[in-house]
Amino acid sequence: MSWRKKVTDHISDVLRFAAYIFLAFDAIVLSVFLFWFTTRFIWRFTQYINHRIFENPWF
């Protein structure tokens, strides 16, 4: 019984680390996109409500 890690164990550790990095990157990109989308939706919705209720020009 050896205490040394095998090459395949090192490869699997590196791949697991890379997967965590990509997962974290995807979560950050998704949160930025959702923030952008939500603010754009709220902005356009307020313009629509302003146009419909107060009959101001549509921007």
C-alpha atoms as a PDB file:
ATOM      1  CA  MET A   1       0.000   0.000   0.000  1.00  0.00           C
ATOM      2  CA  SER A   2       1.492   3.247  -1.149  1.00  0.00           C
ATOM      3  CA  TRP A   3       0.776   6.724   0.178  1.00  0.00           C
ATOM      4  CA  ARG A   4       1.576   8.360  -3.131  1.00  0.00           C
ATOM      5  CA  LYS A   5      -1.263   9.508  -5.354  1.00  0.00           C
ATOM      6  CA  LYS A   6      -1.573   7.977  -8.762  1.00  0.00           C
ATOM      7  CA  VAL A   7      -1.392   9.993 -11.962  1.00  0.00           C
ATOM      8  CA  THR A   8      -5.083   9.446 -12.623  1.00  0.00           C
ATOM      9  CA  ASP A   9      -5.891  10.883  -9.179  1.00  0.00           C
ATOM     10  CA  HIS A  10      -3.925  14.035 -10.046  1.00  0.00           C
ATOM     11  CA  ILE A  11      -5.709  14.323 -13.389  1.00  0.00           C
ATOM     12  CA  SER A  12      -9.107  13.918 -11.757  1.00  0.00           C
ATOM     13  CA  ASP A  13      -8.236  16.587  -9.153  1.00  0.00           C
ATOM     14  CA  VAL A  14      -7.201  19.025 -11.882  1.00  0.00           C
ATOM     15  CA  LEU A  15     -10.364  18.339 -13.900  1.00  0.00           C
ATOM     16  CA  ARG A  16     -12.537  18.732 -10.808  1.00  0.00           C
ATOM     17  CA  PHE A  17     -10.845  22.060 -10.011  1.00  0.00           C
ATOM     18  CA  ALA A  18     -11.360  23.251 -13.603  1.00  0.00           C
ATOM     19  CA  ALA A  19     -15.025  22.268 -13.407  1.00  0.00           C
ATOM     20  CA  TYR A  20     -15.450  24.296 -10.192  1.00  0.00           C
ATOM     21  CA  ILE A  21     -13.799  27.307 -11.861  1.00  0.00           C
ATOM     22  CA  PHE A  22     -16.109  27.072 -14.893  1.00  0.00           C
ATOM     23  CA  LEU A  23     -19.156  26.602 -12.664  1.00  0.00           C
ATOM     24  CA  ALA A  24     -18.249  29.696 -10.638  1.00  0.00           C
ATOM     25  CA  PHE A  25     -17.659  31.675 -13.850  1.00  0.00           C
ATOM     26  CA  ASP A  26     -21.040  30.559 -15.228  1.00  0.00           C
ATOM     27  CA  ALA A  27     -22.786  31.573 -12.009  1.00  0.00           C
ATOM     28  CA  ILE A  28     -21.180  35.027 -12.127  1.00  0.00           C
ATOM     29  CA  VAL A  29     -22.086  35.539 -15.793  1.00  0.00           C
ATOM     30  CA  LEU A  30     -25.642  34.356 -15.177  1.00  0.00           C
ATOM     31  CA  SER A  31     -26.098  36.708 -12.225  1.00  0.00           C
ATOM     32  CA  VAL A  32     -24.750  39.681 -14.227  1.00  0.00           C
ATOM     33  CA  PHE A  33     -27.067  38.848 -17.129  1.00  0.00           C
ATOM     34  CA  LEU A  34     -30.092  38.526 -14.844  1.00  0.00           C
ATOM     35  CA  PHE A  35     -29.274  41.855 -13.191  1.00  0.00           C
ATOM     36  CA  TRP A  36     -29.007  43.524 -16.613  1.00  0.00           C
ATOM     37  CA  PHE A  37     -32.198  41.892 -17.857  1.00  0.00           C
ATOM     38  CA  THR A  38     -34.175  42.817 -14.737  1.00  0.00           C
ATOM     39  CA  THR A  39     -33.058  46.459 -14.787  1.00  0.00           C
ATOM     40  CA  ARG A  40     -33.820  46.733 -18.512  1.00  0.00           C
ATOM     41  CA  PHE A  41     -37.262  45.190 -17.996  1.00  0.00           C
ATOM     42  CA  ILE A  42     -38.072  47.559 -15.120  1.00  0.00           C
ATOM     43  CA  TRP A  43     -36.856  50.551 -17.148  1.00  0.00           C
ATOM     44  CA  ARG A  44     -38.972  49.634 -20.188  1.00  0.00           C
ATOM     45  CA  PHE A  45     -41.982  48.790 -18.020  1.00  0.00           C
ATOM     46  CA  THR A  46     -41.857  52.182 -16.318  1.00  0.00           C
ATOM     47  CA  GLN A  47     -41.686  53.845 -19.733  1.00  0.00           C
ATOM     48  CA  TYR A  48     -44.699  51.808 -20.874  1.00  0.00           C
ATOM     49  CA  ILE A  49     -46.696  52.665 -17.750  1.00  0.00           C
ATOM     50  CA  ASN A  50     -45.736  56.322 -18.132  1.00  0.00           C
ATOM     51  CA  HIS A  51     -46.924  56.242 -21.740  1.00  0.00           C
ATOM     52  CA  ARG A  52     -50.188  54.432 -20.999  1.00  0.00           C
ATOM     53  CA  ILE A  53     -51.265  56.173 -17.788  1.00  0.00           C
ATOM     54  CA  PHE A  54     -49.974  59.702 -18.290  1.00  0.00           C
ATOM     55  CA  GLU A  55     -49.949  59.684 -22.118  1.00  0.00           C
ATOM     56  CA  ASN A  56     -46.414  60.947 -22.354  1.00  0.00           C
ATOM     57  CA  PRO A  57     -44.420  60.223 -25.514  1.00  0.00           C
ATOM     58  CA  TRP A  58     -42.965  56.742 -25.872  1.00  0.00           C
ATOM     59  CA  PHE A  59     -39.167  56.845 -25.561  1.00  0.00           C
END
